[in-house]
Amino acid sequence: MSKSALITGITGQDGSYLTELLLSKGYTVHGLVRRSSSFNTGRIDHLYEDPHEENRSLVLHHADLSDGVAMVNLLRDLRPDEVYNLGAQSHVRVSFDSPLYTGDVTGMGTLRLLEAIRASGIDTRIYQASSSEMFGAAPPPQNEHTPFHPRSPYGCAKVFGYWATVNYREAYDLFAVNGILFNHESPRRGETFVTRKISRAVARIHAGLQDTLYLGNLEAVRDWGYAPEYVEAMWRMLQHDTPDDYVVATGEAGTVRAFLTEAFAVVGRDWREHVEFDAKYERPSEVDALIGDAGKIETVLGWKPTVLWPDLARLMVQADISALEAELTGATVRIDR
């Protein structure tokens, strides 16, 4: 019989790529979506299966990480082999504006899910999406032994979720793992995240639809990887014989300024002619440098990234140019990369 998986945050960047990966491996995938009066499933619409079809491989359920009772009932009914907790309020800057909401969904939501697994009595394996933002001010390179020093409500909430996952592994013998993922991007990245904001602006400037891009701190150093490769790392963690925690990163980092240079070079432009500073995009407390040491996951699970940030910048710009051209000509386009 094929395996089954439950994914929270299935409509996000990582959720869409993970769904594709699991479906390609023969899984039945169940996804949690929040109720909304408008459709928010754009990243997985190409995978949609009519609810009236029998033996569907992808099934969506209305539920929310803020509702622990619903989580218990759903888990008891579905009894998935694997659970991937990707759901969160994941925008770092927004977490300063909505700290309580971020703490409730990103932090307490993880605890509700862990407790729902315990309370439902099911035998499953759970992946918790932890974040490099937990390291915050800790000097790079950061690995599994680096102390946490979060610098945002989002980072604090992720630290809570991390230790809740470790605690349930130790207290209740759950197969629970933390994937400490450094920044990972793609053409499906949300348009308010800096890399996608840049790639989309380059495409629009190239098409004559925009002239200025407003950004905050250009000196922040980040280790950017390619999201489809990172969901493979998630899956590998749950296939191992024993649960453990892993850093997932490329080990190669650049500044936002360097990403800008690479992105604008695709269209032969100088970013300095189009980028202006806007203080509202700065954070009250900044994370200066995140550079991951992923030696453990390479040694134990054999995972190693192949796409580094310069190639990623070019890939994202080219995808946004293609998408914009299709939009302007009325063609139908889907981002497969």
C-alpha atoms as a PDB file:
ATOM      1  CA  MET A   1       0.000   0.000   0.000  1.00  0.00           C
ATOM      2  CA  SER A   2       1.174   3.527  -0.730  1.00  0.00           C
ATOM      3  CA  LYS A   3       2.156   5.860   2.064  1.00  0.00           C
ATOM      4  CA  SER A   4       0.064   8.840   3.089  1.00  0.00           C
ATOM      5  CA  ALA A   5       1.185  12.252   4.281  1.00  0.00           C
ATOM      6  CA  LEU A   6      -0.479  15.277   5.840  1.00  0.00           C
ATOM      7  CA  ILE A   7       0.989  18.692   4.981  1.00  0.00           C
ATOM      8  CA  THR A   8       0.172  21.897   6.830  1.00  0.00           C
ATOM      9  CA  GLY A   9       1.004  24.946   4.743  1.00  0.00           C
ATOM     10  CA  ILE A  10       0.400  22.981   1.553  1.00  0.00           C
ATOM     11  CA  THR A  11      -0.523  26.139  -0.387  1.00  0.00           C
ATOM     12  CA  GLY A  12       2.862  27.758   0.276  1.00  0.00           C
ATOM     13  CA  GLN A  13       6.075  27.559  -1.741  1.00  0.00           C
ATOM     14  CA  ASP A  14       7.476  24.555   0.139  1.00  0.00           C
ATOM     15  CA  GLY A  15       4.104  22.860   0.416  1.00  0.00           C
ATOM     16  CA  SER A  16       3.589  22.899  -3.336  1.00  0.00           C
ATOM     17  CA  TYR A  17       7.025  21.452  -4.117  1.00  0.00           C
ATOM     18  CA  LEU A  18       6.735  18.844  -1.353  1.00  0.00           C
ATOM     19  CA  THR A  19       3.330  17.804  -2.677  1.00  0.00           C
ATOM     20  CA  GLU A  20       4.794  17.276  -6.149  1.00  0.00           C
ATOM     21  CA  LEU A  21       7.658  15.247  -4.686  1.00  0.00           C
ATOM     22  CA  LEU A  22       5.424  13.003  -2.594  1.00  0.00           C
ATOM     23  CA  LEU A  23       2.929  12.445  -5.418  1.00  0.00           C
ATOM     24  CA  SER A  24       5.827  11.420  -7.680  1.00  0.00           C
ATOM     25  CA  LYS A  25       6.748   8.818  -5.048  1.00  0.00           C
ATOM     26  CA  GLY A  26       3.236   7.360  -4.989  1.00  0.00           C
ATOM     27  CA  TYR A  27       1.984   8.976  -1.774  1.00  0.00           C
ATOM     28  CA  THR A  28      -1.569   9.981  -1.047  1.00  0.00           C
ATOM     29  CA  VAL A  29      -1.264  13.583   0.107  1.00  0.00           C
ATOM     30  CA  HIS A  30      -3.644  15.362   2.458  1.00  0.00           C
ATOM     31  CA  GLY A  31      -3.301  19.127   2.769  1.00  0.00           C
ATOM     32  CA  LEU A  32      -4.612  21.660   5.255  1.00  0.00           C
ATOM     33  CA  VAL A  33      -6.038  24.874   3.846  1.00  0.00           C
ATOM     34  CA  ARG A  34      -7.489  27.794   5.762  1.00  0.00           C
ATOM     35  CA  ARG A  35     -11.048  28.754   4.952  1.00  0.00           C
ATOM     36  CA  SER A  36     -11.200  31.887   2.834  1.00  0.00           C
ATOM     37  CA  SER A  37     -13.819  33.612   0.721  1.00  0.00           C
ATOM     38  CA  SER A  38     -11.280  33.726  -2.102  1.00  0.00           C
ATOM     39  CA  PHE A  39      -9.164  30.937  -3.550  1.00  0.00           C
ATOM     40  CA  ASN A  40      -5.627  30.741  -2.150  1.00  0.00           C
ATOM     41  CA  THR A  41      -4.473  27.522  -3.791  1.00  0.00           C
ATOM     42  CA  GLY A  42      -2.695  28.951  -6.836  1.00  0.00           C
ATOM     43  CA  ARG A  43       0.563  27.076  -6.258  1.00  0.00           C
ATOM     44  CA  ILE A  44      -1.159  23.683  -6.254  1.00  0.00           C
ATOM     45  CA  ASP A  45      -4.007  24.245  -8.712  1.00  0.00           C
ATOM     46  CA  HIS A  46      -2.152  22.217 -11.346  1.00  0.00           C
ATOM     47  CA  LEU A  47      -2.329  19.232  -8.960  1.00  0.00           C
ATOM     48  CA  TYR A  48      -6.025  19.618  -8.167  1.00  0.00           C
ATOM     49  CA  GLU A  49      -8.284  16.551  -8.298  1.00  0.00           C
ATOM     50  CA  ASP A  50     -12.057  16.786  -8.292  1.00  0.00           C
ATOM     51  CA  PRO A  51     -13.504  15.763  -4.893  1.00  0.00           C
ATOM     52  CA  HIS A  52     -15.950  13.459  -6.678  1.00  0.00           C
ATOM     53  CA  GLU A  53     -13.162  11.319  -8.142  1.00  0.00           C
ATOM     54  CA  GLU A  54     -12.451   8.030  -6.444  1.00  0.00           C
ATOM     55  CA  ASN A  55      -8.955   7.081  -5.293  1.00  0.00           C
ATOM     56  CA  ARG A  56      -7.685  10.646  -5.321  1.00  0.00           C
ATOM     57  CA  SER A  57      -3.992  11.205  -4.598  1.00  0.00           C
ATOM     58  CA  LEU A  58      -4.459  14.766  -3.332  1.00  0.00           C
ATOM     59  CA  VAL A  59      -7.153  15.655  -0.825  1.00  0.00           C
ATOM     60  CA  LEU A  60      -7.569  19.080   0.776  1.00  0.00           C
ATOM     61  CA  HIS A  61      -9.144  19.685   4.195  1.00  0.00           C
ATOM     62  CA  HIS A  62     -10.269  22.921   5.818  1.00  0.00           C
ATOM     63  CA  ALA A  63      -8.436  23.206   9.137  1.00  0.00           C
ATOM     64  CA  ASP A  64      -6.140  25.567  10.983  1.00  0.00           C
ATOM     65  CA  LEU A  65      -3.178  25.271  13.344  1.00  0.00           C
ATOM     66  CA  SER A  66      -5.074  27.476  15.803  1.00  0.00           C
ATOM     67  CA  ASP A  67      -7.709  24.729  16.301  1.00  0.00           C
ATOM     68  CA  GLY A  68      -6.249  21.861  18.308  1.00  0.00           C
ATOM     69  CA  VAL A  69      -9.497  19.880  18.503  1.00  0.00           C
ATOM     70  CA  ALA A  70      -9.876  19.876  14.733  1.00  0.00           C
ATOM     71  CA  MET A  71      -6.297  18.647  14.439  1.00  0.00           C
ATOM     72  CA  VAL A  72      -6.945  15.698  16.782  1.00  0.00           C
ATOM     73  CA  ASN A  73     -10.075  14.690  14.881  1.00  0.00           C
ATOM     74  CA  LEU A  74      -8.426  14.985  11.479  1.00  0.00           C
ATOM     75  CA  LEU A  75      -5.339  13.017  12.480  1.00  0.00           C
ATOM     76  CA  ARG A  76      -7.459  10.287  14.054  1.00  0.00           C
ATOM     77  CA  ASP A  77      -9.481   9.974  10.840  1.00  0.00           C
ATOM     78  CA  LEU A  78      -6.593  10.130   8.357  1.00  0.00           C
ATOM     79  CA  ARG A  79      -3.878   8.296  10.337  1.00  0.00           C
ATOM     80  CA  PRO A  80      -1.127   9.538   7.987  1.00  0.00           C
ATOM     81  CA  ASP A  81       2.253   7.822   7.861  1.00  0.00           C
ATOM     82  CA  GLU A  82       4.008  11.191   7.796  1.00  0.00           C
ATOM     83  CA  VAL A  83       3.153  14.743   8.873  1.00  0.00           C
ATOM     84  CA  TYR A  84       4.972  17.798   7.540  1.00  0.00           C
ATOM     85  CA  ASN A  85       4.349  20.960   9.545  1.00  0.00           C
ATOM     86  CA  LEU A  86       5.092  23.770   7.096  1.00  0.00           C
ATOM     87  CA  GLY A  87       2.267  26.064   8.188  1.00  0.00           C
ATOM     88  CA  ALA A  88       3.264  29.363   9.813  1.00  0.00           C
ATOM     89  CA  GLN A  89       3.155  33.135   9.686  1.00  0.00           C
ATOM     90  CA  SER A  90       6.571  33.094   8.065  1.00  0.00           C
ATOM     91  CA  HIS A  91       7.341  36.698   7.140  1.00  0.00           C
ATOM     92  CA  VAL A  92      10.012  37.982   9.530  1.00  0.00           C
ATOM     93  CA  ARG A  93       9.269  41.696   9.131  1.00  0.00           C
ATOM     94  CA  VAL A  94       5.520  41.133   9.506  1.00  0.00           C
ATOM     95  CA  SER A  95       6.142  39.240  12.761  1.00  0.00           C
ATOM     96  CA  PHE A  96       7.163  42.545  14.382  1.00  0.00           C
ATOM     97  CA  ASP A  97       3.777  44.014  13.414  1.00  0.00           C
ATOM     98  CA  SER A  98       1.800  40.886  14.430  1.00  0.00           C
ATOM     99  CA  PRO A  99       3.845  39.279  17.204  1.00  0.00           C
ATOM    100  CA  LEU A 100       0.955  37.624  19.049  1.00  0.00           C
ATOM    101  CA  TYR A 101      -0.521  36.104  15.911  1.00  0.00           C
ATOM    102  CA  THR A 102       2.928  34.899  14.858  1.00  0.00           C
ATOM    103  CA  GLY A 103       3.559  33.368  18.277  1.00  0.00           C
ATOM    104  CA  ASP A 104       0.175  31.643  18.295  1.00  0.00           C
ATOM    105  CA  VAL A 105       0.314  30.107  14.816  1.00  0.00           C
ATOM    106  CA  THR A 106       4.050  29.573  14.345  1.00  0.00           C
ATOM    107  CA  GLY A 107       4.888  28.602  17.922  1.00  0.00           C
ATOM    108  CA  MET A 108       1.777  27.321  19.675  1.00  0.00           C
ATOM    109  CA  GLY A 109       0.489  25.862  16.401  1.00  0.00           C
ATOM    110  CA  THR A 110       3.432  23.461  16.435  1.00  0.00           C
ATOM    111  CA  LEU A 111       2.646  22.421  20.004  1.00  0.00           C
ATOM    112  CA  ARG A 112      -1.027  21.891  19.135  1.00  0.00           C
ATOM    113  CA  LEU A 113      -0.030  19.613  16.270  1.00  0.00           C
ATOM    114  CA  LEU A 114       2.406  17.612  18.397  1.00  0.00           C
ATOM    115  CA  GLU A 115      -0.188  17.226  21.137  1.00  0.00           C
ATOM    116  CA  ALA A 116      -2.808  16.223  18.570  1.00  0.00           C
ATOM    117  CA  ILE A 117      -0.519  13.420  17.388  1.00  0.00           C
ATOM    118  CA  ARG A 118       0.025  12.262  20.952  1.00  0.00           C
ATOM    119  CA  ALA A 119      -3.648  12.542  21.932  1.00  0.00           C
ATOM    120  CA  SER A 120      -4.927  10.780  18.814  1.00  0.00           C
ATOM    121  CA  GLY A 121      -2.647   7.815  19.515  1.00  0.00           C
ATOM    122  CA  ILE A 122      -1.603   7.415  15.874  1.00  0.00           C
ATOM    123  CA  ASP A 123       1.723   6.002  14.729  1.00  0.00           C
ATOM    124  CA  THR A 124       3.242   8.657  12.489  1.00  0.00           C
ATOM    125  CA  ARG A 125       6.445  10.575  11.822  1.00  0.00           C
ATOM    126  CA  ILE A 126       6.465  14.366  11.987  1.00  0.00           C
ATOM    127  CA  TYR A 127       8.723  16.917  10.332  1.00  0.00           C
ATOM    128  CA  GLN A 128       8.886  20.363  11.935  1.00  0.00           C
ATOM    129  CA  ALA A 129       9.936  23.254   9.695  1.00  0.00           C
ATOM    130  CA  SER A 130      12.461  25.060  11.851  1.00  0.00           C
ATOM    131  CA  SER A 131      14.348  28.101  10.603  1.00  0.00           C
ATOM    132  CA  SER A 132      17.792  29.653  10.431  1.00  0.00           C
ATOM    133  CA  GLU A 133      16.157  32.749  11.946  1.00  0.00           C
ATOM    134  CA  MET A 134      16.441  30.902  15.272  1.00  0.00           C
ATOM    135  CA  PHE A 135      20.194  31.549  15.174  1.00  0.00           C
ATOM    136  CA  GLY A 136      19.675  35.273  14.778  1.00  0.00           C
ATOM    137  CA  ALA A 137      22.722  37.073  16.210  1.00  0.00           C
ATOM    138  CA  ALA A 138      24.827  33.911  16.618  1.00  0.00           C
ATOM    139  CA  PRO A 139      27.971  34.280  14.457  1.00  0.00           C
ATOM    140  CA  PRO A 140      28.250  32.163  11.284  1.00  0.00           C
ATOM    141  CA  PRO A 141      28.712  29.518  10.165  1.00  0.00           C
ATOM    142  CA  GLN A 142      25.783  28.034  12.063  1.00  0.00           C
ATOM    143  CA  ASN A 143      25.221  24.306  12.563  1.00  0.00           C
ATOM    144  CA  GLU A 144      23.232  21.976  14.819  1.00  0.00           C
ATOM    145  CA  HIS A 145      25.339  22.948  17.857  1.00  0.00           C
ATOM    146  CA  THR A 146      25.137  26.731  17.425  1.00  0.00           C
ATOM    147  CA  PRO A 147      23.212  28.406  20.296  1.00  0.00           C
ATOM    148  CA  PHE A 148      19.964  30.106  19.333  1.00  0.00           C
ATOM    149  CA  HIS A 149      19.714  33.900  19.606  1.00  0.00           C
ATOM    150  CA  PRO A 150      16.559  34.916  17.720  1.00  0.00           C
ATOM    151  CA  ARG A 151      16.081  38.543  16.713  1.00  0.00           C
ATOM    152  CA  SER A 152      12.400  38.617  15.789  1.00  0.00           C
ATOM    153  CA  PRO A 153       9.044  37.347  17.080  1.00  0.00           C
ATOM    154  CA  TYR A 154       9.138  34.866  14.188  1.00  0.00           C
ATOM    155  CA  GLY A 155      12.524  33.555  15.289  1.00  0.00           C
ATOM    156  CA  CYS A 156      11.327  33.296  18.898  1.00  0.00           C
ATOM    157  CA  ALA A 157       8.229  31.359  17.820  1.00  0.00           C
ATOM    158  CA  LYS A 158      10.351  28.977  15.770  1.00  0.00           C
ATOM    159  CA  VAL A 159      12.650  28.361  18.760  1.00  0.00           C
ATOM    160  CA  PHE A 160       9.565  27.412  20.800  1.00  0.00           C
ATOM    161  CA  GLY A 161       8.416  25.027  18.065  1.00  0.00           C
ATOM    162  CA  TYR A 162      11.906  23.525  17.818  1.00  0.00           C
ATOM    163  CA  TRP A 163      12.145  22.700  21.522  1.00  0.00           C
ATOM    164  CA  ALA A 164       8.537  21.476  21.655  1.00  0.00           C
ATOM    165  CA  THR A 165       9.441  19.009  18.898  1.00  0.00           C
ATOM    166  CA  VAL A 166      12.543  17.840  20.775  1.00  0.00           C
ATOM    167  CA  ASN A 167      10.531  17.522  23.980  1.00  0.00           C
ATOM    168  CA  TYR A 168       7.796  15.377  22.420  1.00  0.00           C
ATOM    169  CA  ARG A 169      10.469  13.182  20.845  1.00  0.00           C
ATOM    170  CA  GLU A 170      12.103  12.626  24.225  1.00  0.00           C
ATOM    171  CA  ALA A 171       8.991  12.544  26.417  1.00  0.00           C
ATOM    172  CA  TYR A 172       6.636  10.492  24.228  1.00  0.00           C
ATOM    173  CA  ASP A 173       9.047   8.690  21.897  1.00  0.00           C
ATOM    174  CA  LEU A 174       7.558  10.375  18.824  1.00  0.00           C
ATOM    175  CA  PHE A 175       9.486  10.146  15.583  1.00  0.00           C
ATOM    176  CA  ALA A 176       9.843  13.919  15.412  1.00  0.00           C
ATOM    177  CA  VAL A 177      12.555  15.800  13.519  1.00  0.00           C
ATOM    178  CA  ASN A 178      13.545  19.440  13.051  1.00  0.00           C
ATOM    179  CA  GLY A 179      14.775  20.641   9.683  1.00  0.00           C
ATOM    180  CA  ILE A 180      16.629  23.898  10.341  1.00  0.00           C
ATOM    181  CA  LEU A 181      16.318  25.314   6.849  1.00  0.00           C
ATOM    182  CA  PHE A 182      18.237  28.368   5.771  1.00  0.00           C
ATOM    183  CA  ASN A 183      16.656  30.729   3.237  1.00  0.00           C
ATOM    184  CA  HIS A 184      15.326  28.842   0.244  1.00  0.00           C
ATOM    185  CA  GLU A 185      13.722  30.488  -2.746  1.00  0.00           C
ATOM    186  CA  SER A 186      12.105  29.778  -6.113  1.00  0.00           C
ATOM    187  CA  PRO A 187       9.795  31.332  -8.715  1.00  0.00           C
ATOM    188  CA  ARG A 188       6.945  30.339  -6.369  1.00  0.00           C
ATOM    189  CA  ARG A 189       8.282  32.461  -3.503  1.00  0.00           C
ATOM    190  CA  GLY A 190       5.798  34.991  -2.142  1.00  0.00           C
ATOM    191  CA  GLU A 191       6.083  38.408  -3.767  1.00  0.00           C
ATOM    192  CA  THR A 192       6.774  40.209  -0.465  1.00  0.00           C
ATOM    193  CA  PHE A 193       9.952  38.213   0.244  1.00  0.00           C
ATOM    194  CA  VAL A 194      13.062  40.105  -0.825  1.00  0.00           C
ATOM    195  CA  THR A 195      14.396  37.690  -3.472  1.00  0.00           C
ATOM    196  CA  ARG A 196      11.055  37.428  -5.289  1.00  0.00           C
ATOM    197  CA  LYS A 197      10.453  41.128  -4.817  1.00  0.00           C
ATOM    198  CA  ILE A 198      13.722  41.701  -6.649  1.00  0.00           C
ATOM    199  CA  SER A 199      13.180  39.175  -9.447  1.00  0.00           C
ATOM    200  CA  ARG A 200       9.647  40.404 -10.099  1.00  0.00           C
ATOM    201  CA  ALA A 201      10.779  44.039 -10.145  1.00  0.00           C
ATOM    202  CA  VAL A 202      13.568  43.235 -12.623  1.00  0.00           C
ATOM    203  CA  ALA A 203      11.005  41.680 -14.970  1.00  0.00           C
ATOM    204  CA  ARG A 204       8.663  44.667 -14.660  1.00  0.00           C
ATOM    205  CA  ILE A 205      11.455  47.221 -15.100  1.00  0.00           C
ATOM    206  CA  HIS A 206      12.670  45.327 -18.161  1.00  0.00           C
ATOM    207  CA  ALA A 207       9.128  45.471 -19.584  1.00  0.00           C
ATOM    208  CA  GLY A 208       8.790  49.186 -18.875  1.00  0.00           C
ATOM    209  CA  LEU A 209       6.038  48.691 -16.282  1.00  0.00           C
ATOM    210  CA  GLN A 210       8.040  49.879 -13.286  1.00  0.00           C
ATOM    211  CA  ASP A 211      11.055  52.086 -12.740  1.00  0.00           C
ATOM    212  CA  THR A 212      11.862  51.987  -9.009  1.00  0.00           C
ATOM    213  CA  LEU A 213      12.307  49.190  -6.469  1.00  0.00           C
ATOM    214  CA  TYR A 214      12.193  50.112  -2.767  1.00  0.00           C
ATOM    215  CA  LEU A 215      14.222  47.985  -0.350  1.00  0.00           C
ATOM    216  CA  GLY A 216      15.613  48.084   3.164  1.00  0.00           C
ATOM    217  CA  ASN A 217      18.944  46.714   4.392  1.00  0.00           C
ATOM    218  CA  LEU A 218      21.148  45.739   1.441  1.00  0.00           C
ATOM    219  CA  GLU A 219      24.048  44.459   3.554  1.00  0.00           C
ATOM    220  CA  ALA A 220      22.257  41.507   5.168  1.00  0.00           C
ATOM    221  CA  VAL A 221      24.090  38.258   4.368  1.00  0.00           C
ATOM    222  CA  ARG A 222      21.986  35.202   3.576  1.00  0.00           C
ATOM    223  CA  ASP A 223      22.551  31.609   2.497  1.00  0.00           C
ATOM    224  CA  TRP A 224      19.981  31.191  -0.287  1.00  0.00           C
ATOM    225  CA  GLY A 225      19.143  27.733  -1.657  1.00  0.00           C
ATOM    226  CA  TYR A 226      16.615  26.306  -4.113  1.00  0.00           C
ATOM    227  CA  ALA A 227      13.302  25.246  -2.536  1.00  0.00           C
ATOM    228  CA  PRO A 228      12.684  22.071  -4.619  1.00  0.00           C
ATOM    229  CA  GLU A 229      16.009  20.674  -3.376  1.00  0.00           C
ATOM    230  CA  TYR A 230      15.169  21.538   0.218  1.00  0.00           C
ATOM    231  CA  VAL A 231      11.871  19.611   0.257  1.00  0.00           C
ATOM    232  CA  GLU A 232      13.878  16.534  -0.780  1.00  0.00           C
ATOM    233  CA  ALA A 233      15.878  17.037   2.430  1.00  0.00           C
ATOM    234  CA  MET A 234      12.631  17.146   4.440  1.00  0.00           C
ATOM    235  CA  TRP A 235      11.514  13.838   2.992  1.00  0.00           C
ATOM    236  CA  ARG A 236      14.874  12.169   3.633  1.00  0.00           C
ATOM    237  CA  MET A 237      14.739  13.099   7.309  1.00  0.00           C
ATOM    238  CA  LEU A 238      11.546  11.089   7.775  1.00  0.00           C
ATOM    239  CA  GLN A 239      12.931   8.052   5.922  1.00  0.00           C
ATOM    240  CA  HIS A 240      15.921   7.616   8.242  1.00  0.00           C
ATOM    241  CA  ASP A 241      15.939   4.922  10.928  1.00  0.00           C
ATOM    242  CA  THR A 242      16.163   7.365  13.829  1.00  0.00           C
ATOM    243  CA  PRO A 243      14.780  10.891  14.324  1.00  0.00           C
ATOM    244  CA  ASP A 244      17.250  13.758  14.544  1.00  0.00           C
ATOM    245  CA  ASP A 245      17.667  17.441  13.752  1.00  0.00           C
ATOM    246  CA  TYR A 246      19.492  18.778  10.679  1.00  0.00           C
ATOM    247  CA  VAL A 247      20.687  22.075   9.242  1.00  0.00           C
ATOM    248  CA  VAL A 248      19.820  22.423   5.546  1.00  0.00           C
ATOM    249  CA  ALA A 249      21.886  25.030   3.699  1.00  0.00           C
ATOM    250  CA  THR A 250      24.294  25.606   0.818  1.00  0.00           C
ATOM    251  CA  GLY A 251      27.195  27.058   2.807  1.00  0.00           C
ATOM    252  CA  GLU A 252      27.487  29.806   0.184  1.00  0.00           C
ATOM    253  CA  ALA A 253      26.137  33.235   1.035  1.00  0.00           C
ATOM    254  CA  GLY A 254      25.802  36.680  -0.467  1.00  0.00           C
ATOM    255  CA  THR A 255      24.424  40.066   0.455  1.00  0.00           C
ATOM    256  CA  VAL A 256      21.132  41.446  -0.753  1.00  0.00           C
ATOM    257  CA  ARG A 257      23.269  43.897  -2.731  1.00  0.00           C
ATOM    258  CA  ALA A 258      25.035  40.987  -4.485  1.00  0.00           C
ATOM    259  CA  PHE A 259      21.697  39.324  -5.260  1.00  0.00           C
ATOM    260  CA  LEU A 260      20.533  42.594  -6.799  1.00  0.00           C
ATOM    261  CA  THR A 261      23.641  42.766  -8.964  1.00  0.00           C
ATOM    262  CA  GLU A 262      23.146  39.228 -10.254  1.00  0.00           C
ATOM    263  CA  ALA A 263      19.428  39.707 -10.859  1.00  0.00           C
ATOM    264  CA  PHE A 264      19.702  42.986 -12.779  1.00  0.00           C
ATOM    265  CA  ALA A 265      22.598  41.596 -14.844  1.00  0.00           C
ATOM    266  CA  VAL A 266      20.127  39.205 -16.482  1.00  0.00           C
ATOM    267  CA  VAL A 267      18.562  42.165 -18.300  1.00  0.00           C
ATOM    268  CA  GLY A 268      21.795  44.133 -18.658  1.00  0.00           C
ATOM    269  CA  ARG A 269      20.896  46.864 -16.182  1.00  0.00           C
ATOM    270  CA  ASP A 270      22.612  48.546 -13.233  1.00  0.00           C
ATOM    271  CA  TRP A 271      20.506  48.074 -10.115  1.00  0.00           C
ATOM    272  CA  ARG A 272      21.781  51.373  -8.683  1.00  0.00           C
ATOM    273  CA  GLU A 273      19.713  53.228 -11.262  1.00  0.00           C
ATOM    274  CA  HIS A 274      16.481  51.664 -10.002  1.00  0.00           C
ATOM    275  CA  VAL A 275      16.757  50.843  -6.267  1.00  0.00           C
ATOM    276  CA  GLU A 276      15.904  53.278  -3.483  1.00  0.00           C
ATOM    277  CA  PHE A 277      15.991  52.851   0.281  1.00  0.00           C
ATOM    278  CA  ASP A 278      12.805  52.746   2.348  1.00  0.00           C
ATOM    279  CA  ALA A 279      13.202  52.642   6.137  1.00  0.00           C
ATOM    280  CA  LYS A 280       9.882  50.845   6.626  1.00  0.00           C
ATOM    281  CA  TYR A 281      11.472  47.632   5.344  1.00  0.00           C
ATOM    282  CA  GLU A 282      14.131  47.617   8.073  1.00  0.00           C
ATOM    283  CA  ARG A 283      13.585  45.469  11.148  1.00  0.00           C
ATOM    284  CA  PRO A 284      13.744  46.766  14.739  1.00  0.00           C
ATOM    285  CA  SER A 285      16.479  44.184  15.355  1.00  0.00           C
ATOM    286  CA  GLU A 286      18.419  42.848  12.383  1.00  0.00           C
ATOM    287  CA  VAL A 287      20.050  39.504  11.647  1.00  0.00           C
ATOM    288  CA  ASP A 288      23.363  40.346  10.033  1.00  0.00           C
ATOM    289  CA  ALA A 289      24.625  37.028   8.645  1.00  0.00           C
ATOM    290  CA  LEU A 290      23.181  33.540   8.229  1.00  0.00           C
ATOM    291  CA  ILE A 291      25.502  30.984   6.632  1.00  0.00           C
ATOM    292  CA  GLY A 292      24.739  27.317   7.201  1.00  0.00           C
ATOM    293  CA  ASP A 293      27.003  24.342   7.763  1.00  0.00           C
ATOM    294  CA  ALA A 294      25.088  21.369   6.360  1.00  0.00           C
ATOM    295  CA  GLY A 295      27.840  18.810   6.835  1.00  0.00           C
ATOM    296  CA  LYS A 296      25.708  16.584   9.072  1.00  0.00           C
ATOM    297  CA  ILE A 297      22.865  16.018   6.602  1.00  0.00           C
ATOM    298  CA  GLU A 298      25.332  15.361   3.795  1.00  0.00           C
ATOM    299  CA  THR A 299      27.139  12.756   5.894  1.00  0.00           C
ATOM    300  CA  VAL A 300      24.089  11.056   7.419  1.00  0.00           C
ATOM    301  CA  LEU A 301      21.429  11.377   4.705  1.00  0.00           C
ATOM    302  CA  GLY A 302      23.514  12.014   1.595  1.00  0.00           C
ATOM    303  CA  TRP A 303      21.776  15.297   0.791  1.00  0.00           C
ATOM    304  CA  LYS A 304      23.741  18.041  -0.957  1.00  0.00           C
ATOM    305  CA  PRO A 305      22.493  21.150  -2.794  1.00  0.00           C
ATOM    306  CA  THR A 306      23.375  21.791  -6.425  1.00  0.00           C
ATOM    307  CA  VAL A 307      21.823  25.244  -7.030  1.00  0.00           C
ATOM    308  CA  LEU A 308      23.694  28.135  -5.406  1.00  0.00           C
ATOM    309  CA  TRP A 309      22.391  31.675  -5.037  1.00  0.00           C
ATOM    310  CA  PRO A 310      23.834  33.276  -8.222  1.00  0.00           C
ATOM    311  CA  ASP A 311      22.167  30.629 -10.384  1.00  0.00           C
ATOM    312  CA  LEU A 312      19.035  30.966  -8.277  1.00  0.00           C
ATOM    313  CA  ALA A 313      18.879  34.721  -8.884  1.00  0.00           C
ATOM    314  CA  ARG A 314      19.112  34.216 -12.641  1.00  0.00           C
ATOM    315  CA  LEU A 315      16.559  31.383 -12.587  1.00  0.00           C
ATOM    316  CA  MET A 316      14.029  33.489 -10.686  1.00  0.00           C
ATOM    317  CA  VAL A 317      14.412  36.528 -12.933  1.00  0.00           C
ATOM    318  CA  GLN A 318      14.044  34.453 -16.087  1.00  0.00           C
ATOM    319  CA  ALA A 319      10.925  32.792 -14.677  1.00  0.00           C
ATOM    320  CA  ASP A 320       9.358  36.153 -13.800  1.00  0.00           C
ATOM    321  CA  ILE A 321      10.169  37.543 -17.241  1.00  0.00           C
ATOM    322  CA  SER A 322       8.486  34.540 -18.874  1.00  0.00           C
ATOM    323  CA  ALA A 323       5.466  34.803 -16.580  1.00  0.00           C
ATOM    324  CA  LEU A 324       5.077  38.524 -17.246  1.00  0.00           C
ATOM    325  CA  GLU A 325       5.386  38.089 -21.004  1.00  0.00           C
ATOM    326  CA  ALA A 326       2.692  35.419 -20.896  1.00  0.00           C
ATOM    327  CA  GLU A 327       0.479  37.670 -18.784  1.00  0.00           C
ATOM    328  CA  LEU A 328       0.843  40.575 -21.204  1.00  0.00           C
ATOM    329  CA  THR A 329       0.034  38.407 -24.224  1.00  0.00           C
ATOM    330  CA  GLY A 330      -2.847  36.634 -22.525  1.00  0.00           C
ATOM    331  CA  ALA A 331      -1.146  33.245 -22.635  1.00  0.00           C
ATOM    332  CA  THR A 332      -1.480  30.640 -19.920  1.00  0.00           C
ATOM    333  CA  VAL A 333       1.683  29.936 -17.965  1.00  0.00           C
ATOM    334  CA  ARG A 334       2.541  27.769 -14.983  1.00  0.00           C
ATOM    335  CA  ILE A 335       5.760  28.022 -13.028  1.00  0.00           C
ATOM    336  CA  ASP A 336       7.204  24.512 -13.103  1.00  0.00           C
ATOM    337  CA  ARG A 337      10.636  25.355 -11.775  1.00  0.00           C
END
